[in-house]
Amino acid sequence: MKRGDTLSAIAARYRIAANVIAEANKLPNPNTLVVGQTLVIPIEGQYYEVRQGDTLAAIAGRFHISAAELARVNGIQLSSTVQVGTRLYIPEQTNKPDIESNAYIEPRGTSVSANLQQAAREASPYLTYLGAFSFQVQRNGTLKEPPLTNLKSIADRHNTTLMMIITNLENDAFSDELGRLILNDNTVKTKLFQEIVSTAKKHGFRDIHFDFEYLRPQDREAYNRFLREARTIFHREGWKISTALAPKTSATQAGKWYEAHDYRAHGEIVDFVVIMTYEWGYSGGPAQAVSPIGPVRNVIEYALTEMPSSKIVMGQNMYGYDWTLPFKQGTTAKAVSPQQAIALAARYKVDIQYNETAQAPFFRYTAENQKQHEVWFEDARSIQAKFNLIKELHLRGISYWKLGLSFPQNWLLLGDQFHIVKETFR
């Protein structure tokens, strides 16, 4: 959105009804659009505005189309020099890449809330896996189950595979001592495997996903052995096994979040990994992009040195944060959905800016109490940057943390650019 733009003028430009754009983007502010706000236009194909340094061949290569075809559909000569600012029509992709997608869902209390059920319904057509977070391992090897309510029926309606997420969470924090017991006490481990199998059969889980974090560095090999045993058991049942990995950039990266996560071993043992490429900007730290494209790329490129791209699922946040400035250690930023972020910018009448280095939108505003705030979030541009990375590096797919924070533009673009694989099991 540029200053002076209106929804009706944009709709006329693309020959589409304004209410169709508003509905597709679930606009929180259709009558007060914000300068810098990004809209997805729900048409077949897309438009591209020529930038400085672009050539017809380079643009065609970016969108996996021949330069001759791009020139033909736009009615220009193949030898033409395209002028900066020219809008080119890019035909709809007919050979969309296959990917797998996952979304975590985190019910609280005794049942899945109506809001989360609706989020699961809306997302399920675009998902390979729906991950129930989480089944918490107890010190005797039993499991504390999250509420599931009707998640299975929602997943089944769209042939989405239920993912059973197993964690070493204890009192709302990852526990290294609990991790030690799980990985080294054979009685606990045997009981845990029995519990997982019986629970997975009861609820219909077909992927068993281990999210063991903050493990002792000396438990690295114990975790690898644990996964090999688990793989044998779960593959015998015809299920997949996967893991969540902290975002590392080297095999020797120090810190308890990283050292027990052996990228090479996980790449060899499990069917796929979800790499948690987010939380550079986090609730307890200073204001910055949650998943800046440069650090995300660095982690994925390191992972590619340890395992094949066909096993790598890139993690993606579905939220941003609203920080109070100046940042003070010990304070906590408030999580906001992309929709809530846009509504905030509209409420306080501030422009949305875009950081090209991080590939992320942000803005600042002054609240009623005169406190300064800085908000970083996700929009169509930032998620497109991640989709481009998936295509470039031929990754297995994408995994979202987490459902319940509305980001309709993500699903529009995901469905437009990829064919989502639905799993079949024997």
Protein backbone atom coordinates (compact mmCIF):
# COMPACT_ATOMS: atom_id res chain seq x y z
CA MET A 1 0.00 0.00 0.00
CA LYS A 2 1.25 3.45 -0.94
CA ARG A 3 -0.01 6.76 0.33
CA GLY A 4 -3.30 7.56 -1.38
CA ASP A 5 -4.11 3.95 -2.29
CA THR A 6 -7.62 2.69 -1.62
CA LEU A 7 -9.01 -0.81 -1.74
CA SER A 8 -11.39 0.10 -4.54
CA ALA A 9 -8.59 1.63 -6.64
CA ILE A 10 -6.40 -1.44 -6.18
CA ALA A 11 -9.32 -3.70 -7.05
CA ALA A 12 -9.95 -1.74 -10.24
CA ARG A 13 -6.27 -1.97 -11.17
CA TYR A 14 -6.44 -5.78 -11.04
CA ARG A 15 -10.01 -6.04 -12.35
CA ILE A 16 -11.30 -7.80 -9.28
CA ALA A 17 -13.99 -6.93 -6.73
CA ALA A 18 -12.79 -5.08 -3.63
CA ASN A 19 -14.71 -7.39 -1.31
CA VAL A 20 -12.89 -10.40 -2.82
CA ILE A 21 -9.52 -8.89 -1.86
CA ALA A 22 -10.83 -7.99 1.59
CA GLU A 23 -12.16 -11.51 2.20
CA ALA A 24 -9.06 -13.28 0.86
CA ASN A 25 -6.79 -11.24 3.15
CA LYS A 26 -9.29 -11.24 6.04
CA LEU A 27 -8.57 -7.53 6.28
CA PRO A 28 -8.86 -6.19 9.82
CA ASN A 29 -9.00 -2.65 8.38
CA PRO A 30 -10.64 -2.60 4.90
CA ASN A 31 -11.65 1.06 5.26
CA THR A 32 -8.40 2.30 6.81
CA LEU A 33 -5.57 0.56 4.98
CA VAL A 34 -2.08 1.31 6.27
CA VAL A 35 0.77 2.67 4.18
CA GLY A 36 3.21 -0.23 3.83
CA GLN A 37 0.55 -2.89 4.40
CA THR A 38 0.85 -5.83 1.98
CA LEU A 39 -2.12 -7.32 0.15
CA VAL A 40 -2.32 -10.61 -1.72
CA ILE A 41 -4.45 -10.24 -4.85
CA PRO A 42 -6.36 -13.51 -5.40
CA ILE A 43 -5.96 -13.88 -9.14
CA GLU A 44 -4.52 -16.63 -11.32
CA GLY A 45 -0.83 -15.96 -11.65
CA GLN A 46 0.72 -12.78 -10.28
CA TYR A 47 2.18 -9.40 -11.19
CA TYR A 48 5.79 -8.35 -10.78
CA GLU A 49 7.05 -4.77 -10.72
CA VAL A 50 10.40 -4.39 -12.48
CA ARG A 51 13.23 -3.19 -10.24
CA GLN A 52 16.58 -1.58 -10.91
CA GLY A 53 18.96 -4.10 -12.52
CA ASP A 54 16.24 -6.51 -13.65
CA THR A 55 16.36 -8.11 -17.08
CA LEU A 56 13.63 -10.09 -18.80
CA ALA A 57 15.75 -13.25 -18.60
CA ALA A 58 16.48 -12.78 -14.88
CA ILE A 59 12.81 -12.21 -14.06
CA ALA A 60 11.79 -15.23 -16.14
CA GLY A 61 14.35 -17.41 -14.34
CA ARG A 62 13.11 -16.26 -10.94
CA PHE A 63 9.62 -17.49 -11.77
CA HIS A 64 10.68 -20.64 -13.64
CA ILE A 65 9.31 -19.51 -17.02
CA SER A 66 11.08 -18.96 -20.33
CA ALA A 67 11.93 -15.39 -21.27
CA ALA A 68 10.15 -15.93 -24.59
CA GLU A 69 6.92 -16.96 -22.83
CA LEU A 70 7.16 -14.03 -20.41
CA ALA A 71 7.57 -11.64 -23.34
CA ARG A 72 4.66 -13.23 -25.20
CA VAL A 73 2.09 -13.04 -22.37
CA ASN A 74 3.04 -9.42 -21.74
CA GLY A 75 2.96 -8.40 -25.41
CA ILE A 76 6.56 -7.17 -25.54
CA GLN A 77 9.57 -7.99 -27.68
CA LEU A 78 12.02 -10.57 -26.33
CA SER A 79 14.84 -8.12 -26.99
CA SER A 80 13.11 -5.30 -25.11
CA THR A 81 14.75 -3.53 -22.18
CA VAL A 82 12.18 -3.59 -19.39
CA GLN A 83 11.76 -0.26 -17.64
CA VAL A 84 11.88 0.08 -13.85
CA GLY A 85 8.32 0.22 -12.50
CA THR A 86 6.79 -1.79 -15.38
CA ARG A 87 4.23 -4.32 -14.19
CA LEU A 88 4.70 -7.75 -15.79
CA TYR A 89 2.11 -10.52 -15.56
CA ILE A 90 3.54 -13.87 -14.45
CA PRO A 91 1.32 -16.79 -15.51
CA GLU A 92 0.10 -19.25 -12.90
CA GLN A 93 2.55 -22.06 -12.18
CA THR A 94 1.44 -25.40 -13.59
CA ASN A 95 4.32 -27.43 -12.17
CA LYS A 96 4.19 -26.55 -8.50
CA PRO A 97 6.90 -28.19 -6.38
CA ASP A 98 5.77 -30.91 -3.97
CA ILE A 99 6.38 -30.13 -0.31
CA GLU A 100 5.23 -31.36 3.07
CA SER A 101 3.85 -28.93 5.62
CA ASN A 102 3.21 -29.18 9.33
CA ALA A 103 1.59 -26.95 11.91
CA TYR A 104 1.85 -27.33 15.65
CA ILE A 105 -1.26 -26.75 17.71
CA GLU A 106 -1.04 -26.20 21.47
CA PRO A 107 -4.33 -26.76 23.32
CA ARG A 108 -4.48 -25.65 26.93
CA GLY A 109 -6.76 -26.71 29.75
CA THR A 110 -9.15 -29.63 29.41
CA SER A 111 -10.32 -29.23 25.79
CA VAL A 112 -9.33 -27.74 22.46
CA SER A 113 -10.79 -24.23 22.34
CA ALA A 114 -13.27 -23.25 19.65
CA ASN A 115 -10.70 -20.79 18.26
CA LEU A 116 -8.06 -23.52 17.89
CA GLN A 117 -10.55 -25.94 16.37
CA GLN A 118 -11.45 -23.34 13.75
CA ALA A 119 -7.77 -22.62 13.08
CA ALA A 120 -7.18 -26.36 12.55
CA ARG A 121 -10.14 -26.56 10.14
CA GLU A 122 -8.86 -23.63 8.09
CA ALA A 123 -5.27 -24.89 7.97
CA SER A 124 -5.85 -28.63 7.51
CA PRO A 125 -6.33 -28.53 3.71
CA TYR A 126 -2.84 -27.03 3.46
CA LEU A 127 -1.15 -29.45 5.87
CA THR A 128 0.55 -32.81 5.59
CA TYR A 129 0.79 -33.03 9.38
CA LEU A 130 -1.08 -31.53 12.31
CA GLY A 131 1.14 -31.71 15.40
CA ALA A 132 -0.48 -32.00 18.84
CA PHE A 133 1.78 -30.19 21.32
CA SER A 134 2.55 -31.91 23.54
CA PHE A 135 2.64 -35.32 25.20
CA GLN A 136 4.85 -34.69 28.23
CA VAL A 137 6.99 -37.57 29.44
CA GLN A 138 6.70 -38.25 33.18
CA ARG A 139 9.64 -39.50 35.23
CA ASN A 140 8.25 -43.05 35.28
CA GLY A 141 7.95 -43.18 31.48
CA THR A 142 4.20 -42.53 31.29
CA LEU A 143 2.72 -39.67 29.27
CA LYS A 144 0.68 -36.65 30.27
CA GLU A 145 -1.67 -36.08 27.33
CA PRO A 146 -2.82 -32.73 25.96
CA PRO A 147 -6.53 -32.29 25.21
CA LEU A 148 -7.32 -33.50 21.68
CA THR A 149 -11.14 -33.10 21.51
CA ASN A 150 -12.03 -33.51 17.81
CA LEU A 151 -8.60 -32.84 16.21
CA LYS A 152 -8.57 -36.31 14.65
CA SER A 153 -11.89 -35.80 12.86
CA ILE A 154 -10.73 -32.38 11.64
CA ALA A 155 -7.48 -33.88 10.32
CA ASP A 156 -9.22 -36.89 8.77
CA ARG A 157 -11.57 -34.64 6.79
CA HIS A 158 -8.62 -33.41 4.73
CA ASN A 159 -6.38 -36.51 4.89
CA THR A 160 -4.01 -34.70 7.24
CA THR A 161 -1.71 -36.92 9.30
CA LEU A 162 -1.78 -36.47 13.07
CA MET A 163 1.68 -35.92 14.54
CA MET A 164 2.29 -37.02 18.15
CA ILE A 165 4.75 -34.61 19.74
CA ILE A 166 6.73 -35.99 22.69
CA THR A 167 8.54 -33.50 24.94
CA ASN A 168 10.71 -33.39 28.05
CA LEU A 169 8.67 -30.49 29.42
CA GLU A 170 8.28 -30.43 33.17
CA ASN A 171 6.56 -27.56 35.02
CA ASP A 172 6.35 -25.62 31.71
CA ALA A 173 10.11 -25.80 31.09
CA PHE A 174 12.37 -28.22 29.24
CA SER A 175 14.18 -30.35 31.83
CA ASP A 176 17.69 -31.70 31.33
CA GLU A 177 17.23 -34.04 34.31
CA LEU A 178 14.05 -35.48 32.82
CA GLY A 179 15.91 -35.82 29.53
CA ARG A 180 18.69 -37.72 31.29
CA LEU A 181 16.20 -40.21 32.74
CA ILE A 182 14.40 -40.74 29.44
CA LEU A 183 17.59 -41.36 27.48
CA ASN A 184 19.61 -43.37 30.02
CA ASP A 185 17.24 -45.27 32.29
CA ASN A 186 16.26 -48.44 30.41
CA THR A 187 13.19 -49.03 32.56
CA VAL A 188 11.86 -45.52 31.86
CA LYS A 189 12.74 -45.79 28.17
CA THR A 190 11.04 -49.17 27.71
CA LYS A 191 7.92 -47.92 29.48
CA LEU A 192 7.90 -44.77 27.34
CA PHE A 193 8.06 -46.71 24.07
CA GLN A 194 5.17 -48.89 25.23
CA GLU A 195 3.14 -45.82 26.17
CA ILE A 196 3.81 -44.12 22.85
CA VAL A 197 2.73 -47.15 20.83
CA SER A 198 -0.49 -47.71 22.79
CA THR A 199 -1.37 -43.98 22.77
CA ALA A 200 -0.60 -43.55 19.07
CA LYS A 201 -2.82 -46.52 18.21
CA LYS A 202 -5.61 -45.19 20.42
CA HIS A 203 -5.65 -41.72 18.83
CA GLY A 204 -4.51 -42.52 15.29
CA PHE A 205 -1.10 -40.81 15.26
CA ARG A 206 1.08 -41.73 12.27
CA ASP A 207 4.16 -39.62 12.91
CA ILE A 208 6.00 -39.70 16.24
CA HIS A 209 7.87 -36.43 16.73
CA PHE A 210 10.45 -35.92 19.47
CA ASP A 211 11.01 -32.37 20.70
CA PHE A 212 13.64 -32.96 23.38
CA GLU A 213 15.34 -29.67 24.24
CA TYR A 214 17.86 -28.33 26.76
CA LEU A 215 19.48 -31.76 27.02
CA ARG A 216 22.82 -32.32 28.72
CA PRO A 217 25.68 -32.15 26.17
CA GLN A 218 26.90 -35.55 27.40
CA ASP A 219 23.54 -37.08 26.38
CA ARG A 220 24.16 -36.48 22.68
CA GLU A 221 25.02 -40.11 21.90
CA ALA A 222 22.33 -41.40 24.27
CA TYR A 223 19.76 -39.37 22.29
CA ASN A 224 21.05 -40.84 19.02
CA ARG A 225 20.77 -44.40 20.44
CA PHE A 226 17.28 -43.62 21.73
CA LEU A 227 16.18 -42.49 18.26
CA ARG A 228 17.58 -45.61 16.59
CA GLU A 229 15.60 -47.79 18.99
CA ALA A 230 12.50 -45.69 18.45
CA ARG A 231 12.85 -45.87 14.67
CA THR A 232 12.90 -49.66 14.74
CA ILE A 233 9.73 -49.78 16.84
CA PHE A 234 7.76 -47.14 14.95
CA HIS A 235 8.76 -48.25 11.45
CA ARG A 236 7.56 -51.72 12.41
CA GLU A 237 4.14 -50.11 13.03
CA GLY A 238 4.29 -48.37 9.65
CA TRP A 239 4.71 -44.91 11.20
CA LYS A 240 7.16 -42.10 10.58
CA ILE A 241 9.57 -40.69 13.13
CA SER A 242 10.76 -37.06 13.19
CA THR A 243 12.57 -34.65 15.48
CA ALA A 244 12.75 -30.93 16.23
CA LEU A 245 16.24 -29.42 16.14
CA ALA A 246 17.63 -26.19 17.54
CA PRO A 247 18.92 -23.75 14.87
CA LYS A 248 22.66 -24.47 14.63
CA THR A 249 25.27 -23.13 12.23
CA SER A 250 28.09 -25.56 13.11
CA ALA A 251 28.57 -29.01 14.60
CA THR A 252 30.56 -27.50 17.48
CA GLN A 253 28.08 -24.78 18.44
CA ALA A 254 28.18 -24.41 22.22
CA GLY A 255 25.22 -24.22 24.58
CA LYS A 256 22.76 -26.65 26.14
CA TRP A 257 20.12 -25.89 23.53
CA TYR A 258 22.49 -27.09 20.79
CA GLU A 259 25.15 -29.58 21.81
CA ALA A 260 22.98 -32.70 22.20
CA HIS A 261 21.33 -32.12 18.80
CA ASP A 262 23.48 -34.05 16.34
CA TYR A 263 22.38 -32.90 12.87
CA ARG A 264 24.26 -35.62 11.00
CA ALA A 265 22.92 -38.44 13.17
CA HIS A 266 19.33 -37.18 13.06
CA GLY A 267 19.59 -36.82 9.30
CA GLU A 268 20.60 -40.47 9.08
CA ILE A 269 18.16 -41.88 11.66
CA VAL A 270 14.78 -40.14 11.33
CA ASP A 271 12.44 -39.63 8.39
CA PHE A 272 12.65 -35.85 8.62
CA VAL A 273 13.63 -33.03 10.96
CA VAL A 274 11.97 -29.73 11.77
CA ILE A 275 14.61 -27.06 12.29
CA MET A 276 13.34 -24.31 14.58
CA THR A 277 14.47 -21.36 12.45
CA TYR A 278 12.80 -18.61 14.47
CA GLU A 279 13.04 -16.71 17.76
CA TRP A 280 16.02 -14.52 16.94
CA GLY A 281 13.62 -11.82 18.03
CA TYR A 282 11.96 -13.34 21.11
CA SER A 283 9.71 -12.23 23.94
CA GLY A 284 12.53 -11.82 26.45
CA GLY A 285 15.05 -10.10 24.17
CA PRO A 286 15.43 -6.79 22.31
CA ALA A 287 13.22 -5.83 19.37
CA GLN A 288 14.19 -7.45 16.06
CA ALA A 289 12.76 -9.70 13.36
CA VAL A 290 11.66 -13.10 14.69
CA SER A 291 13.04 -15.02 11.71
CA PRO A 292 15.36 -12.78 9.64
CA ILE A 293 16.13 -14.35 6.29
CA GLY A 294 19.95 -14.19 6.64
CA PRO A 295 20.23 -16.21 9.87
CA VAL A 296 17.54 -18.60 8.62
CA ARG A 297 19.56 -19.23 5.46
CA ASN A 298 22.76 -19.72 7.47
CA VAL A 299 21.15 -22.45 9.59
CA ILE A 300 19.63 -24.26 6.61
CA GLU A 301 22.86 -24.09 4.62
CA TYR A 302 24.73 -25.63 7.54
CA ALA A 303 22.07 -28.35 7.84
CA LEU A 304 22.58 -29.17 4.16
CA THR A 305 26.20 -30.08 4.91
CA GLU A 306 24.97 -32.72 7.39
CA MET A 307 21.83 -34.19 5.80
CA PRO A 308 19.98 -34.27 2.47
CA SER A 309 17.55 -31.46 1.64
CA SER A 310 14.78 -34.07 1.36
CA LYS A 311 14.88 -34.45 5.16
CA ILE A 312 14.83 -30.75 6.09
CA VAL A 313 11.59 -29.03 7.11
CA MET A 314 12.12 -25.32 7.78
CA GLY A 315 10.46 -23.89 10.88
CA GLN A 316 8.39 -20.72 10.50
CA ASN A 317 6.75 -18.47 13.08
CA MET A 318 3.14 -17.35 12.57
CA TYR A 319 3.44 -14.42 14.96
CA GLY A 320 5.41 -11.32 15.81
CA TYR A 321 6.11 -9.36 18.97
CA ASP A 322 5.23 -5.93 20.34
CA TRP A 323 8.12 -4.60 22.45
CA THR A 324 7.98 -1.65 24.83
CA LEU A 325 10.96 0.67 24.32
CA PRO A 326 13.58 1.10 25.55
CA PHE A 327 14.06 -2.63 26.02
CA LYS A 328 14.91 -3.62 29.60
CA GLN A 329 16.21 -7.05 30.53
CA GLY A 330 13.52 -8.94 32.40
CA THR A 331 10.62 -7.41 30.49
CA THR A 332 8.49 -9.46 28.11
CA ALA A 333 7.20 -8.52 24.66
CA LYS A 334 3.61 -9.33 23.76
CA ALA A 335 3.00 -11.87 20.98
CA VAL A 336 0.82 -10.55 18.13
CA SER A 337 -0.59 -12.17 15.01
CA PRO A 338 0.02 -10.52 11.63
CA GLN A 339 -3.63 -9.42 11.69
CA GLN A 340 -3.26 -7.87 15.13
CA ALA A 341 -0.09 -6.08 14.04
CA ILE A 342 -1.87 -4.49 11.08
CA ALA A 343 -4.75 -3.43 13.31
CA LEU A 344 -2.26 -1.80 15.72
CA ALA A 345 -0.63 0.17 12.90
CA ALA A 346 -4.07 1.33 11.74
CA ARG A 347 -5.15 2.26 15.28
CA TYR A 348 -2.08 4.40 15.90
CA LYS A 349 -1.95 5.76 12.33
CA VAL A 350 1.65 4.77 11.63
CA ASP A 351 3.22 3.47 8.42
CA ILE A 352 4.47 -0.10 8.15
CA GLN A 353 8.11 -0.24 7.08
CA TYR A 354 9.98 -3.15 5.55
CA ASN A 355 13.53 -4.17 6.43
CA GLU A 356 15.08 -5.52 3.23
CA THR A 357 18.01 -7.15 5.03
CA ALA A 358 15.83 -9.12 7.45
CA GLN A 359 12.99 -9.41 4.92
CA ALA A 360 10.47 -8.51 7.61
CA PRO A 361 7.92 -5.73 8.25
CA PHE A 362 8.00 -3.53 11.36
CA PHE A 363 6.69 -0.25 12.75
CA ARG A 364 6.84 1.95 15.84
CA TYR A 365 4.01 3.66 17.67
CA THR A 366 3.36 5.67 20.81
CA ALA A 367 0.73 4.22 23.15
CA GLU A 368 -1.75 6.22 25.21
CA ASN A 369 0.63 6.12 28.19
CA GLN A 370 3.29 7.78 25.99
CA LYS A 371 5.40 4.60 25.95
CA GLN A 372 7.19 3.90 22.67
CA HIS A 373 6.61 0.48 21.07
CA GLU A 374 8.29 -1.45 18.26
CA VAL A 375 6.49 -4.27 16.44
CA TRP A 376 8.03 -6.89 14.15
CA PHE A 377 5.74 -9.39 12.45
CA GLU A 378 5.16 -11.46 9.30
CA ASP A 379 3.42 -10.51 6.06
CA ALA A 380 3.11 -11.77 2.50
CA ARG A 381 6.54 -10.40 1.59
CA SER A 382 8.36 -12.02 4.50
CA ILE A 383 6.70 -15.41 4.01
CA GLN A 384 7.41 -15.21 0.28
CA ALA A 385 11.11 -14.80 1.09
CA LYS A 386 10.94 -18.10 3.05
CA PHE A 387 9.03 -19.84 0.24
CA ASN A 388 11.71 -18.71 -2.20
CA LEU A 389 14.35 -20.26 0.07
CA ILE A 390 12.45 -23.57 0.18
CA LYS A 391 12.35 -23.62 -3.62
CA GLU A 392 15.97 -22.57 -4.06
CA LEU A 393 17.34 -25.17 -1.64
CA HIS A 394 14.80 -27.90 -2.54
CA LEU A 395 13.74 -28.44 1.05
CA ARG A 396 11.23 -31.06 2.16
CA GLY A 397 8.85 -28.41 3.45
CA ILE A 398 7.77 -25.99 6.13
CA SER A 399 6.55 -26.29 9.73
CA TYR A 400 4.54 -23.57 11.50
CA TRP A 401 4.65 -22.61 15.15
CA LYS A 402 1.77 -22.32 15.87
CA LEU A 403 -1.93 -22.32 14.95
CA GLY A 404 -4.26 -19.84 16.62
CA LEU A 405 -2.57 -16.62 15.50
CA SER A 406 -4.29 -15.58 12.28
CA PHE A 407 -2.12 -15.24 9.15
CA PRO A 408 -4.46 -15.79 6.17
CA GLN A 409 -1.96 -14.51 3.59
CA ASN A 410 0.33 -17.43 4.40
CA TRP A 411 -2.26 -20.02 3.38
CA LEU A 412 -3.15 -18.08 0.21
CA LEU A 413 0.47 -18.11 -0.94
CA LEU A 414 1.27 -21.62 0.26
CA GLY A 415 -1.60 -23.12 -1.72
CA ASP A 416 -0.80 -21.01 -4.76
CA GLN A 417 2.88 -21.94 -4.98
CA PHE A 418 3.16 -25.51 -3.73
CA HIS A 419 1.46 -28.86 -4.06
CA ILE A 420 1.01 -30.10 -0.49
CA VAL A 421 1.77 -33.80 -0.22
CA LYS A 422 -0.70 -35.86 1.79
CA GLU A 423 0.85 -38.97 3.35
CA THR A 424 -0.30 -42.53 2.73
CA PHE A 425 0.43 -45.30 5.22
CA ARG A 426 0.21 -49.02 4.97
